[in-house]
N, C-alpha and C. Protein backbone atom coordinates (compact mmCIF):
# COMPACT_ATOMS: atom_id res chain seq x y z
N UNK A 1 107.97 69.98 125.72
CA UNK A 1 107.07 71.17 125.18
C UNK A 1 105.53 70.95 125.00
N UNK A 2 104.85 71.72 125.35
CA UNK A 2 103.34 71.15 125.33
C UNK A 2 102.65 72.30 124.78
N UNK A 3 101.38 71.88 124.18
CA UNK A 3 100.91 73.27 123.39
C UNK A 3 99.68 73.38 124.36
N UNK A 4 98.51 74.37 124.19
CA UNK A 4 97.44 74.55 124.68
C UNK A 4 96.38 74.42 123.50
N UNK A 5 95.11 74.54 123.93
CA UNK A 5 93.93 74.48 123.40
C UNK A 5 94.40 75.37 122.06
N UNK A 6 94.20 76.18 121.95
CA UNK A 6 94.75 76.63 120.42
C UNK A 6 96.05 76.24 119.57
N UNK A 7 96.50 76.02 119.87
CA UNK A 7 98.34 74.63 119.31
C UNK A 7 99.37 75.92 119.56
N UNK A 8 99.25 76.57 120.55
CA UNK A 8 100.54 77.62 120.51
C UNK A 8 101.93 76.40 121.08
N UNK A 9 102.94 76.49 121.41
CA UNK A 9 103.39 75.84 121.92
C UNK A 9 103.50 76.74 123.75
N UNK A 10 104.21 75.83 124.84
CA UNK A 10 104.30 76.68 125.76
C UNK A 10 105.47 75.89 125.98
N UNK A 11 106.51 77.04 126.51
CA UNK A 11 107.91 76.60 126.56
C UNK A 11 108.28 76.40 128.18
N UNK A 12 108.94 75.65 128.50
CA UNK A 12 109.68 75.10 129.77
C UNK A 12 110.41 76.03 130.45
N UNK A 13 110.60 77.54 130.35
CA UNK A 13 111.11 78.41 130.51
C UNK A 13 110.93 78.74 132.08
N UNK A 14 111.93 79.11 132.77
CA UNK A 14 111.18 79.83 134.16
C UNK A 14 111.85 81.34 134.35
N UNK A 15 111.23 82.10 134.38
CA UNK A 15 111.68 83.32 134.90
C UNK A 15 111.84 83.58 136.22
N UNK A 16 112.94 83.63 136.59
CA UNK A 16 113.68 84.04 138.05
C UNK A 16 113.98 85.59 138.50
N UNK A 17 113.92 86.75 139.35
CA UNK A 17 114.15 87.32 139.35
C UNK A 17 115.47 87.17 140.54
N UNK A 18 116.92 87.85 139.88
CA UNK A 18 118.01 87.88 140.08
C UNK A 18 117.93 88.37 141.76
N UNK A 19 118.97 88.03 141.77
CA UNK A 19 119.45 88.74 143.40
C UNK A 19 120.06 89.81 143.63
N UNK A 20 120.12 90.88 144.00
CA UNK A 20 120.43 92.54 144.73
C UNK A 20 121.32 92.91 143.49
N UNK A 21 121.88 92.51 142.54
CA UNK A 21 123.04 92.65 141.41
C UNK A 21 122.26 93.84 140.32
N UNK A 22 121.01 94.01 140.31
CA UNK A 22 120.62 94.72 140.01
C UNK A 22 119.91 93.84 138.06
N UNK A 23 120.58 92.88 138.18
CA UNK A 23 119.87 92.70 136.97
C UNK A 23 118.79 92.53 136.15
N UNK A 24 117.71 92.46 137.35
CA UNK A 24 116.56 92.10 136.47
C UNK A 24 115.78 90.47 136.70
N UNK A 25 115.18 90.41 135.96
CA UNK A 25 114.20 88.76 136.01
C UNK A 25 115.86 88.31 135.62
N UNK A 26 115.43 87.24 134.87
CA UNK A 26 116.10 86.49 133.71
C UNK A 26 115.91 85.03 133.78
N UNK A 27 115.90 84.27 132.25
CA UNK A 27 115.32 82.99 131.78
C UNK A 27 116.19 81.87 131.82
N UNK A 28 115.97 81.13 132.86
CA UNK A 28 116.84 79.83 132.87
C UNK A 28 115.75 78.37 133.13
N UNK A 29 116.96 78.19 131.95
CA UNK A 29 116.36 77.10 130.68
C UNK A 29 117.37 77.55 130.05
N UNK A 30 117.73 75.80 128.67
CA UNK A 30 118.66 75.84 127.99
C UNK A 30 117.29 76.48 126.18
N UNK A 31 116.07 77.25 126.48
CA UNK A 31 115.47 77.03 125.32
C UNK A 31 115.41 78.81 125.26
N UNK A 32 116.60 79.01 126.18
CA UNK A 32 116.37 80.92 125.44
C UNK A 32 115.91 81.31 123.64
N UNK A 33 117.05 80.75 123.31
CA UNK A 33 116.47 80.64 122.07
C UNK A 33 115.56 80.73 121.81
N UNK A 34 114.58 80.02 121.51
CA UNK A 34 113.23 79.58 121.41
C UNK A 34 112.32 80.73 121.84
N UNK A 35 112.80 81.17 123.18
CA UNK A 35 111.26 82.18 123.40
C UNK A 35 111.81 83.78 122.71
N UNK A 36 113.29 83.89 122.27
CA UNK A 36 113.48 84.54 121.61
C UNK A 36 112.68 85.08 120.35
N UNK A 37 113.27 83.75 119.78
CA UNK A 37 112.24 83.42 118.53
C UNK A 37 111.15 83.34 118.35
N UNK A 38 110.13 83.09 119.38
CA UNK A 38 108.86 83.38 119.14
C UNK A 38 108.44 84.45 120.09
N UNK A 39 109.47 85.21 120.38
CA UNK A 39 108.76 86.82 120.78
C UNK A 39 109.14 87.38 119.36
N UNK A 40 109.79 87.23 118.47
CA UNK A 40 110.33 87.54 116.97
C UNK A 40 109.31 87.11 116.26
N UNK A 41 108.99 86.43 116.49
CA UNK A 41 107.64 86.01 115.41
C UNK A 41 106.62 86.47 115.66
N UNK A 42 105.94 87.02 117.29
CA UNK A 42 104.93 87.53 117.61
C UNK A 42 105.34 89.17 117.33
N UNK A 43 105.95 89.96 117.18
CA UNK A 43 106.04 91.17 117.02
C UNK A 43 105.73 90.67 115.57
N UNK A 44 106.47 90.19 115.03
CA UNK A 44 106.19 90.09 113.69
C UNK A 44 104.46 89.53 113.03
N UNK A 45 103.90 89.39 113.45
CA UNK A 45 102.98 89.09 113.60
C UNK A 45 101.86 89.97 113.70
N UNK A 46 101.98 90.89 114.64
CA UNK A 46 101.45 91.81 115.08
C UNK A 46 101.52 93.45 114.58
N UNK A 47 103.05 93.17 113.78
CA UNK A 47 103.15 94.43 112.49
C UNK A 47 102.51 93.75 111.07
N UNK A 48 102.10 92.41 110.92
CA UNK A 48 101.24 91.97 109.86
C UNK A 48 100.19 92.55 110.12
N UNK A 49 99.60 92.49 111.74
CA UNK A 49 97.90 92.82 111.31
C UNK A 49 97.53 93.99 111.22
N UNK A 50 99.00 95.00 111.77
CA UNK A 50 98.63 96.62 111.88
C UNK A 50 98.52 96.93 110.27
N UNK A 51 99.46 96.11 109.54
CA UNK A 51 99.48 96.25 107.94
C UNK A 51 98.13 95.73 107.39
N UNK A 52 97.55 94.77 107.99
CA UNK A 52 96.42 94.44 107.12
C UNK A 52 95.28 95.02 107.43
N UNK A 53 95.15 96.04 108.96
CA UNK A 53 94.26 97.13 109.90
C UNK A 53 94.13 97.97 108.35
N UNK A 54 95.40 98.38 108.10
CA UNK A 54 95.27 99.41 107.44
C UNK A 54 94.38 99.69 106.06
N UNK A 55 94.89 98.19 105.79
CA UNK A 55 94.09 97.82 104.46
C UNK A 55 92.43 97.80 104.88
N UNK A 56 92.58 97.31 106.08
CA UNK A 56 90.96 97.01 105.91
C UNK A 56 90.50 98.17 107.17
N UNK A 57 90.77 99.03 107.42
CA UNK A 57 90.57 100.14 107.04
C UNK A 57 89.80 100.77 105.38
N UNK A 58 90.85 101.60 104.51
CA UNK A 58 90.14 101.51 103.32
C UNK A 58 89.27 100.64 103.03
N UNK A 59 89.45 99.20 102.95
CA UNK A 59 88.52 98.79 102.15
C UNK A 59 87.20 98.33 103.02
N UNK A 60 87.12 99.11 103.72
CA UNK A 60 85.74 99.18 104.63
C UNK A 60 85.15 100.70 103.97
N UNK A 61 85.98 101.73 104.17
CA UNK A 61 85.93 102.83 103.48
C UNK A 61 85.47 102.76 102.68
N UNK A 62 85.74 101.89 101.33
CA UNK A 62 85.24 101.88 100.22
C UNK A 62 83.66 101.27 99.77
N UNK A 63 83.92 100.25 101.06
CA UNK A 63 82.56 99.47 100.92
C UNK A 63 81.26 100.17 101.40
N UNK A 64 81.50 101.23 102.26
CA UNK A 64 80.44 102.07 102.92
C UNK A 64 80.53 103.04 101.39
N UNK A 65 81.25 103.10 100.61
CA UNK A 65 80.77 104.54 99.61
C UNK A 65 79.95 103.53 98.59
N UNK A 66 80.46 102.28 98.39
CA UNK A 66 79.69 101.73 97.31
C UNK A 66 78.26 101.53 98.20
N UNK A 67 78.07 101.35 98.90
CA UNK A 67 76.58 100.96 100.18
C UNK A 67 76.26 102.54 99.95
N UNK A 68 76.66 103.54 100.30
CA UNK A 68 76.10 104.75 99.83
C UNK A 68 75.54 105.23 98.77
N UNK A 69 76.23 104.95 97.82
CA UNK A 69 75.67 105.19 96.22
C UNK A 69 74.51 104.75 96.06
N UNK A 70 74.00 103.43 96.77
CA UNK A 70 72.58 102.64 97.03
C UNK A 70 71.83 103.90 97.50
N UNK A 71 71.84 104.61 97.85
CA UNK A 71 70.67 105.18 98.88
C UNK A 71 70.44 106.33 97.99
N UNK A 72 69.28 107.00 97.94
CA UNK A 72 68.94 108.38 97.45
C UNK A 72 69.31 109.76 98.94
N UNK A 73 69.56 109.52 100.33
CA UNK A 73 69.84 110.01 100.40
C UNK A 73 70.90 109.96 101.72
N UNK A 74 71.35 111.06 102.68
CA UNK A 74 72.26 110.19 103.26
C UNK A 74 71.55 109.45 104.97
N UNK A 75 70.44 110.44 104.83
CA UNK A 75 69.31 109.59 106.00
C UNK A 75 68.90 108.36 105.78
N UNK A 76 69.00 107.69 104.36
CA UNK A 76 68.26 106.27 104.37
C UNK A 76 69.94 105.46 104.91
N UNK A 77 71.08 106.18 103.96
CA UNK A 77 71.99 105.27 104.06
C UNK A 77 72.85 104.76 105.90
N UNK A 78 72.49 106.13 106.26
CA UNK A 78 72.84 106.17 107.97
C UNK A 78 71.71 105.30 108.66
N UNK A 79 70.35 105.21 108.65
CA UNK A 79 69.11 103.83 108.87
C UNK A 79 70.14 102.58 108.84
N UNK A 80 70.27 102.46 107.45
CA UNK A 80 70.98 101.17 107.54
C UNK A 80 71.64 100.75 107.67
N UNK A 81 72.80 101.78 108.30
CA UNK A 81 73.90 101.51 108.58
C UNK A 81 73.96 101.26 110.49
N UNK A 82 72.60 101.87 110.60
CA UNK A 82 72.65 101.95 111.92
C UNK A 82 71.96 99.87 112.40
N UNK A 83 70.86 99.69 111.40
CA UNK A 83 70.50 98.71 111.15
C UNK A 83 71.69 97.23 111.47
N UNK A 84 72.58 97.98 110.15
CA UNK A 84 73.64 96.41 110.50
C UNK A 84 74.50 96.63 112.03
N UNK A 85 74.37 97.66 112.79
CA UNK A 85 75.20 97.47 114.11
C UNK A 85 76.32 97.53 114.09
N UNK A 86 77.34 97.97 112.41
CA UNK A 86 78.86 98.30 112.86
C UNK A 86 79.35 98.46 113.83
N UNK A 87 80.78 98.18 113.87
CA UNK A 87 81.29 98.79 115.38
C UNK A 87 81.38 100.03 115.15
N UNK A 88 81.19 101.04 114.75
CA UNK A 88 81.97 102.41 114.60
C UNK A 88 81.22 103.44 115.01
N UNK A 89 81.63 104.28 115.35
CA UNK A 89 80.49 105.29 114.99
C UNK A 89 80.35 106.10 113.60
N UNK A 90 79.74 107.24 113.58
CA UNK A 90 79.11 107.98 112.15
C UNK A 90 80.43 108.95 112.39
N UNK A 91 81.10 109.15 113.09
CA UNK A 91 82.08 110.00 112.70
C UNK A 91 83.56 109.42 111.89
N UNK A 92 83.79 108.06 112.69
CA UNK A 92 84.37 107.01 112.23
C UNK A 92 83.80 106.50 110.97
N UNK A 93 82.66 106.35 110.55
CA UNK A 93 82.00 106.26 109.09
C UNK A 93 83.42 106.83 108.33
N UNK A 94 82.83 108.42 109.08
CA UNK A 94 82.88 109.32 107.66
C UNK A 94 84.09 109.10 107.55
N UNK A 95 84.69 109.07 108.44
CA UNK A 95 86.28 109.50 108.51
C UNK A 95 87.55 108.14 107.03
N UNK A 96 85.97 106.67 107.39
CA UNK A 96 86.87 105.51 106.79
C UNK A 96 86.02 106.32 105.26
N UNK A 97 85.57 106.65 105.12
CA UNK A 97 84.62 107.04 104.09
C UNK A 97 85.64 108.23 102.86
N UNK A 98 86.13 108.96 103.57
CA UNK A 98 86.81 110.11 103.18
C UNK A 98 88.77 110.06 103.18
N UNK A 99 88.68 108.94 103.85
CA UNK A 99 90.29 107.65 103.69
C UNK A 99 90.15 106.88 102.01
N UNK A 100 89.37 106.57 101.79
CA UNK A 100 88.55 105.58 100.74
C UNK A 100 88.84 106.84 99.60
N UNK A 101 88.10 107.97 100.19
CA UNK A 101 87.72 108.73 98.51
C UNK A 101 88.74 109.33 98.02
N UNK A 102 89.79 109.56 98.99
CA UNK A 102 91.58 110.53 98.74
C UNK A 102 92.60 109.39 99.01
N UNK A 103 92.23 107.77 98.76
CA UNK A 103 93.24 107.05 99.09
C UNK A 103 94.86 107.29 98.96
N UNK A 104 95.09 106.95 98.15
CA UNK A 104 96.46 107.52 97.37
C UNK A 104 97.34 108.89 97.93
N UNK A 105 96.23 110.09 98.28
CA UNK A 105 96.97 110.98 98.59
C UNK A 105 96.73 110.29 100.84
N UNK A 106 96.08 109.83 101.40
CA UNK A 106 95.76 109.73 102.87
C UNK A 106 97.26 108.43 102.65
N UNK A 107 97.23 108.11 101.88
CA UNK A 107 98.64 106.13 101.54
C UNK A 107 99.86 107.24 102.08
N UNK A 108 99.73 108.21 100.86
CA UNK A 108 101.05 108.94 100.57
C UNK A 108 101.34 110.00 102.31
N UNK A 109 99.96 110.52 102.64
CA UNK A 109 100.18 111.23 104.20
C UNK A 109 100.15 110.37 105.86
N UNK A 110 100.56 109.26 105.53
CA UNK A 110 100.29 108.14 106.40
C UNK A 110 101.81 107.51 105.62
N UNK A 111 102.65 107.96 104.99
CA UNK A 111 104.00 106.92 103.93
C UNK A 111 105.12 108.17 105.09
N UNK A 112 104.22 109.94 104.49
CA UNK A 112 105.13 110.58 105.22
C UNK A 112 104.70 111.34 107.08
N UNK A 113 103.64 110.34 107.70
CA UNK A 113 104.06 110.63 108.95
C UNK A 113 105.09 108.98 109.92
N UNK A 114 105.52 108.08 108.83
CA UNK A 114 106.28 107.37 109.07
C UNK A 114 107.45 107.74 109.05
N UNK A 115 108.12 108.50 107.81
CA UNK A 115 109.02 108.47 107.31
C UNK A 115 109.48 110.11 108.32
N UNK A 116 108.78 110.61 108.37
CA UNK A 116 108.82 111.85 109.66
C UNK A 116 109.35 110.79 111.28
N UNK A 117 109.53 109.67 111.52
CA UNK A 117 109.36 109.23 113.40
C UNK A 117 108.33 109.57 113.54
N UNK A 118 106.84 109.19 112.87
CA UNK A 118 105.75 108.99 113.91
C UNK A 118 104.61 108.07 113.77
N UNK A 119 104.74 108.31 114.26
CA UNK A 119 103.19 106.39 113.84
C UNK A 119 101.95 106.72 113.66
N UNK A 120 101.68 105.89 112.37
CA UNK A 120 100.73 106.59 111.75
C UNK A 120 99.47 106.52 112.17
N UNK A 121 98.65 108.02 111.39
CA UNK A 121 97.25 107.58 111.91
C UNK A 121 97.12 108.30 110.80
N UNK A 122 95.62 107.69 110.62
CA UNK A 122 94.59 107.70 110.00
C UNK A 122 93.91 109.06 110.05
N UNK A 123 93.26 109.10 111.03
CA UNK A 123 92.62 110.86 111.29
C UNK A 123 93.69 111.98 110.95
N UNK A 124 94.37 111.58 111.40
CA UNK A 124 95.47 112.90 111.42
C UNK A 124 95.89 112.69 109.60
N UNK A 125 96.24 112.16 109.20
CA UNK A 125 96.20 111.98 107.80
C UNK A 125 95.30 112.65 106.68
N UNK A 126 94.16 111.96 106.98
CA UNK A 126 92.52 112.56 106.37
C UNK A 126 92.55 114.00 106.35
N UNK A 127 92.61 114.47 107.61
CA UNK A 127 92.81 116.14 107.74
C UNK A 127 93.74 116.36 106.98
N UNK A 128 95.28 115.64 107.14
CA UNK A 128 95.94 116.69 106.34
C UNK A 128 95.96 117.12 104.56
N UNK A 129 95.28 115.94 104.13
CA UNK A 129 94.65 115.91 103.03
C UNK A 129 93.78 116.80 102.31
N UNK A 130 92.55 117.46 103.70
CA UNK A 130 91.56 117.76 102.96
C UNK A 130 91.43 119.36 103.32
N UNK A 131 92.59 119.45 104.50
CA UNK A 131 92.36 120.20 105.11
C UNK A 131 94.21 120.71 105.19
N UNK A 132 94.89 120.67 103.93
CA UNK A 132 96.06 120.94 104.14
C UNK A 132 96.63 122.41 104.61
N UNK A 133 98.00 122.76 105.20
CA UNK A 133 97.71 124.21 106.06
C UNK A 133 98.03 124.96 105.03
N UNK A 134 97.65 126.11 104.85
CA UNK A 134 98.17 127.27 104.02
C UNK A 134 98.98 127.80 104.14
N UNK A 135 99.04 127.69 102.38
CA UNK A 135 101.24 128.65 102.38
C UNK A 135 101.30 130.17 102.60
N UNK A 136 102.38 130.61 103.44
CA UNK A 136 102.30 131.85 103.76
C UNK A 136 102.71 132.57 102.42
N UNK A 137 101.81 134.05 102.39
CA UNK A 137 102.28 134.30 101.20
C UNK A 137 103.72 134.95 101.13
N UNK A 138 104.20 134.78 99.61
CA UNK A 138 105.50 136.03 100.08
C UNK A 138 105.74 136.87 99.65
N UNK A 139 106.79 137.45 100.26
CA UNK A 139 107.07 138.96 100.55
C UNK A 139 107.98 139.27 99.76
N UNK A 140 107.57 140.11 98.82
CA UNK A 140 107.74 140.81 97.78
C UNK A 140 108.39 142.31 98.51
N UNK A 141 109.33 142.75 97.68
CA UNK A 141 110.24 143.87 97.75
C UNK A 141 110.06 145.15 97.42
N UNK A 142 109.76 145.79 98.12
CA UNK A 142 109.27 147.08 96.96
C UNK A 142 109.66 148.37 96.50
C-alpha cells in the first residue's frame, strides 16, 4: 500500500471489465474489504461535512446579523459586505440572515424535510417559516 502527497492510502486494487456475463466491473485483489471500508469512511466524512455545512450556514447568518447591527443603514452594511469579498450573493446573504433570525423554526423545517424523505433545503425551509401556507377556513353548516 502506498500513499499520496496528502497522506491518503492508495490501494493496489485493480478494476477489470467482466466478460459478456453482464456482471459489470469487478475488483480483483485481496484488498476488497479495504476498498469498501474506505468508501464507507468517505461517505461518513461527506455526511459529516454536510452537517458542518448546515451549522456553518447558521453561524455565517449570525455573524452577518452581528455585523449588520453595527451599521446605521442597510446601505452602509451592504458596502462593508462588498468590500469583504464574501463568496455569496446579496440574496444568499439575506437568506442566511433570515435563517439565523429564525433558527429554531428553520431547523424544525429542515428536520421535517428529512423526516418526509426530502433532501434538506435551507431556502425552502426559510420560505416555509416566513411564509407558511395559509390555512383553509373551516366550513360551517348553516
